[in-house]
N, C-alpha and C. Protein backbone atom coordinates (compact mmCIF):
# COMPACT_ATOMS: atom_id res chain seq x y z
N UNK A 1 -28.65 -17.35 146.94
CA UNK A 1 -28.06 -16.75 145.41
C UNK A 1 -27.32 -17.48 145.22
N UNK A 2 -26.25 -16.80 144.26
CA UNK A 2 -25.19 -17.56 143.42
C UNK A 2 -23.69 -16.52 143.86
N UNK A 3 -22.45 -16.86 143.21
CA UNK A 3 -21.66 -15.89 143.71
C UNK A 3 -21.27 -15.47 141.90
N UNK A 4 -20.51 -14.47 141.98
CA UNK A 4 -20.38 -13.72 140.79
C UNK A 4 -18.40 -13.80 140.63
N UNK A 5 -19.17 -14.50 139.39
CA UNK A 5 -17.12 -14.50 138.32
C UNK A 5 -17.46 -13.54 136.72
N UNK A 6 -17.15 -12.45 137.21
CA UNK A 6 -17.39 -11.41 135.63
C UNK A 6 -18.62 -11.47 135.61
N UNK A 7 -19.59 -11.36 134.60
CA UNK A 7 -20.79 -11.27 134.91
C UNK A 7 -21.79 -12.34 134.70
N UNK A 8 -21.94 -13.14 135.40
CA UNK A 8 -21.45 -14.54 135.56
C UNK A 8 -22.20 -15.60 136.78
N UNK A 9 -23.37 -15.92 137.16
CA UNK A 9 -23.43 -15.95 138.23
C UNK A 9 -23.60 -17.80 138.20
N UNK A 10 -23.43 -17.65 139.13
CA UNK A 10 -23.00 -19.36 139.23
C UNK A 10 -23.42 -19.57 140.45
N UNK A 11 -24.26 -20.45 140.62
CA UNK A 11 -24.91 -21.42 141.32
C UNK A 11 -24.72 -22.58 142.30
N UNK A 12 -23.96 -22.24 143.41
CA UNK A 12 -23.05 -23.16 143.67
C UNK A 12 -23.71 -24.70 144.06
N UNK A 13 -24.61 -24.78 145.03
CA UNK A 13 -25.82 -25.66 144.65
C UNK A 13 -26.27 -26.64 143.92
N UNK A 14 -26.00 -26.21 142.20
CA UNK A 14 -26.43 -27.25 141.20
C UNK A 14 -25.14 -27.59 141.19
N UNK A 15 -23.92 -27.11 141.15
CA UNK A 15 -23.29 -28.47 140.90
C UNK A 15 -22.80 -28.45 141.60
N UNK A 16 -22.68 -28.91 142.84
CA UNK A 16 -21.96 -29.73 143.84
C UNK A 16 -23.23 -31.19 143.89
N UNK A 17 -24.39 -31.00 143.46
CA UNK A 17 -25.11 -32.08 143.20
C UNK A 17 -23.74 -33.44 141.82
N UNK A 18 -24.01 -31.96 140.62
CA UNK A 18 -23.29 -33.25 139.99
C UNK A 18 -22.12 -33.97 139.94
N UNK A 19 -22.20 -34.59 138.56
CA UNK A 19 -21.16 -36.98 139.40
C UNK A 19 -20.33 -35.64 138.45
N UNK A 20 -18.92 -36.20 139.19
CA UNK A 20 -17.81 -36.39 139.34
C UNK A 20 -17.47 -37.67 139.79
N UNK A 21 -17.18 -37.96 138.19
CA UNK A 21 -16.46 -39.27 138.01
C UNK A 21 -15.62 -39.83 138.28
N UNK A 22 -14.30 -38.34 137.50
CA UNK A 22 -12.48 -39.24 137.05
C UNK A 22 -12.33 -37.43 138.43
N UNK A 23 -12.84 -37.33 139.92
CA UNK A 23 -12.34 -36.58 140.79
C UNK A 23 -11.22 -37.30 141.69
N UNK A 24 -10.58 -38.27 142.01
CA UNK A 24 -9.93 -38.44 142.58
C UNK A 24 -8.30 -39.54 141.91
N UNK A 25 -8.88 -39.49 141.55
CA UNK A 25 -7.32 -39.85 139.68
C UNK A 25 -7.59 -37.91 139.35
N UNK A 26 -8.01 -38.01 139.44
CA UNK A 26 -7.34 -35.79 139.14
C UNK A 26 -6.67 -35.53 140.35
N UNK A 27 -7.40 -35.46 141.72
CA UNK A 27 -6.66 -35.86 142.92
C UNK A 27 -5.93 -36.50 143.50
N UNK A 28 -6.22 -37.59 143.05
CA UNK A 28 -4.34 -38.16 143.19
C UNK A 28 -3.40 -37.81 142.10
N UNK A 29 -2.96 -37.66 141.09
CA UNK A 29 -2.41 -36.82 140.04
C UNK A 29 -2.23 -34.56 140.71
N UNK A 30 -2.70 -34.36 140.86
CA UNK A 30 -2.15 -33.02 141.29
C UNK A 30 -1.70 -33.48 142.32
N UNK A 31 -2.33 -33.88 143.49
CA UNK A 31 -1.06 -34.78 144.95
C UNK A 31 0.38 -35.06 144.46
N UNK A 32 -0.03 -35.02 143.81
CA UNK A 32 1.34 -36.13 143.16
C UNK A 32 2.07 -35.36 142.81
N UNK A 33 1.44 -34.50 142.03
CA UNK A 33 2.86 -33.50 140.67
C UNK A 33 3.10 -32.35 142.08
N UNK A 34 2.27 -32.11 143.62
CA UNK A 34 2.31 -31.06 144.30
C UNK A 34 3.47 -31.40 145.51
N UNK A 35 3.35 -33.09 145.10
CA UNK A 35 4.73 -33.99 145.70
C UNK A 35 5.80 -33.62 145.69
N UNK A 36 6.17 -33.41 144.15
CA UNK A 36 7.30 -33.81 143.48
C UNK A 36 8.20 -32.75 142.85
N UNK A 37 7.65 -31.97 142.32
CA UNK A 37 7.60 -30.13 142.30
C UNK A 37 7.63 -30.17 140.98
N UNK A 38 6.39 -30.09 140.67
CA UNK A 38 5.04 -30.74 139.33
C UNK A 38 6.92 -31.54 137.97
N UNK A 39 7.33 -32.65 138.41
CA UNK A 39 8.29 -32.91 137.87
C UNK A 39 7.15 -34.32 137.34
N UNK A 40 6.45 -34.38 136.05
CA UNK A 40 6.21 -35.05 135.76
C UNK A 40 5.98 -37.29 135.53
N UNK A 41 7.04 -36.90 135.51
CA UNK A 41 8.18 -38.46 135.16
C UNK A 41 8.04 -39.45 136.21
N UNK A 42 7.64 -39.02 137.60
CA UNK A 42 7.71 -38.86 138.61
C UNK A 42 6.16 -40.13 138.97
N UNK A 43 4.93 -39.00 138.74
CA UNK A 43 3.52 -39.33 138.50
C UNK A 43 2.57 -40.13 137.70
N UNK A 44 3.94 -41.16 136.41
CA UNK A 44 3.62 -41.68 135.62
C UNK A 44 1.72 -42.56 135.65
N UNK A 45 2.23 -42.72 136.63
CA UNK A 45 0.66 -43.94 137.12
C UNK A 45 0.01 -43.35 137.17
N UNK A 46 -0.42 -42.31 138.18
CA UNK A 46 -1.32 -41.50 138.54
C UNK A 46 -2.27 -40.69 137.29
N UNK A 47 -1.22 -40.47 136.71
CA UNK A 47 -1.25 -39.35 134.82
C UNK A 47 -2.11 -40.90 134.07
N UNK A 48 -1.57 -41.57 133.54
CA UNK A 48 -2.57 -42.93 133.17
C UNK A 48 -3.39 -43.56 134.07
N UNK A 49 -3.49 -43.41 135.59
CA UNK A 49 -5.48 -43.61 135.51
C UNK A 49 -6.07 -43.11 135.82
N UNK A 50 -6.00 -41.18 135.15
CA UNK A 50 -6.33 -40.26 135.28
C UNK A 50 -7.00 -40.41 133.51
N UNK A 51 -6.08 -40.12 132.12
CA UNK A 51 -6.54 -40.28 130.92
C UNK A 51 -7.02 -41.16 130.40
N UNK A 52 -6.73 -43.31 131.48
CA UNK A 52 -7.96 -44.37 131.20
C UNK A 52 -9.66 -43.97 131.63
N UNK A 53 -9.28 -42.97 132.72
CA UNK A 53 -11.29 -42.48 133.72
C UNK A 53 -11.38 -41.60 132.84
N UNK A 54 -10.69 -39.99 132.17
CA UNK A 54 -11.75 -39.72 130.84
C UNK A 54 -12.65 -40.52 130.36
N UNK A 55 -11.01 -41.43 129.66
CA UNK A 55 -11.56 -41.66 127.31
C UNK A 55 -12.30 -42.45 128.08
N UNK A 56 -12.67 -43.03 128.96
CA UNK A 56 -13.03 -44.17 129.36
C UNK A 56 -15.10 -43.45 129.39
N UNK A 57 -15.14 -42.57 130.07
CA UNK A 57 -15.89 -41.22 130.59
C UNK A 57 -16.38 -40.73 129.23
N UNK A 58 -15.73 -40.58 127.90
CA UNK A 58 -16.09 -39.16 127.12
C UNK A 58 -16.30 -40.86 125.71
N UNK A 59 -16.16 -41.81 126.07
CA UNK A 59 -16.86 -43.25 125.05
C UNK A 59 -17.95 -43.56 125.47
N UNK A 60 -18.75 -43.69 127.34
CA UNK A 60 -19.79 -43.81 127.67
C UNK A 60 -20.92 -43.20 127.83
N UNK A 61 -20.78 -41.52 127.29
CA UNK A 61 -21.74 -40.33 127.37
C UNK A 61 -21.61 -40.51 125.55
N UNK A 62 -22.75 -40.72 125.09
CA UNK A 62 -23.33 -40.65 123.01
C UNK A 62 -24.70 -39.49 123.47
N UNK A 63 -24.40 -39.11 123.22
CA UNK A 63 -25.72 -38.17 122.80
C UNK A 63 -27.40 -38.92 122.30
N UNK A 64 -28.04 -38.79 122.77
CA UNK A 64 -29.42 -40.15 122.38
C UNK A 64 -29.63 -38.99 120.52
N UNK A 65 -29.67 -37.74 120.56
CA UNK A 65 -30.31 -36.53 119.55
C UNK A 65 -29.00 -35.59 119.54
N UNK A 66 -29.10 -34.71 118.51
CA UNK A 66 -28.72 -34.18 117.91
C UNK A 66 -28.00 -32.99 118.41
N UNK A 67 -26.69 -32.18 118.52
CA UNK A 67 -26.53 -31.05 119.16
C UNK A 67 -27.72 -29.92 119.79
N UNK A 68 -26.51 -28.54 120.29
CA UNK A 68 -27.67 -28.12 120.90
C UNK A 68 -27.58 -26.94 119.45
N UNK A 69 -25.93 -27.56 118.39
CA UNK A 69 -26.56 -26.30 117.03
C UNK A 69 -27.52 -27.05 116.51
N UNK A 70 -28.20 -28.11 116.48
CA UNK A 70 -29.25 -28.48 116.22
C UNK A 70 -30.57 -28.07 115.64
N UNK A 71 -30.33 -28.26 116.84
CA UNK A 71 -31.64 -28.32 117.52
C UNK A 71 -31.86 -26.17 117.74
N UNK A 72 -30.72 -25.35 117.45
CA UNK A 72 -31.36 -23.97 117.80
C UNK A 72 -31.73 -23.87 116.42
N UNK A 73 -30.85 -23.91 115.17
CA UNK A 73 -31.20 -24.68 114.38
C UNK A 73 -32.99 -25.13 113.31
N UNK A 74 -33.07 -25.59 114.26
CA UNK A 74 -34.54 -26.18 113.68
C UNK A 74 -35.68 -25.33 114.70
N UNK A 75 -34.85 -24.61 115.77
CA UNK A 75 -36.60 -23.81 116.02
C UNK A 75 -35.77 -22.28 115.33
N UNK A 76 -35.21 -22.10 114.34
CA UNK A 76 -35.01 -20.85 113.61
C UNK A 76 -35.64 -20.43 112.87
N UNK A 77 -35.58 -22.02 112.14
CA UNK A 77 -36.48 -22.42 110.75
C UNK A 77 -37.98 -21.72 110.61
N UNK A 78 -38.21 -22.51 112.58
CA UNK A 78 -39.88 -22.81 112.40
C UNK A 78 -39.89 -21.32 112.42
N UNK A 79 -39.22 -19.83 112.88
CA UNK A 79 -39.38 -19.06 113.12
C UNK A 79 -39.61 -18.66 111.79
N UNK A 80 -39.11 -18.74 111.22
CA UNK A 80 -39.29 -17.49 109.62
C UNK A 80 -40.24 -17.48 108.68
């Protein structure tokens, strides 16, 4: 089954196998912020590591085909 969040049902098994590329960097930043009482000046290095990891992920994931909106519009034209 799944957990209910409002009217949306989530399947935790489906999301457990997803790739989580920057999880280590995010956890280290959150731990640093927790230890330093949300003082982000002391957590500059983990913040920089997380930023570089996230930038690397967005630049490497390019769509080979159009967006979902393009395909929905294309399918909708065929129905008319």
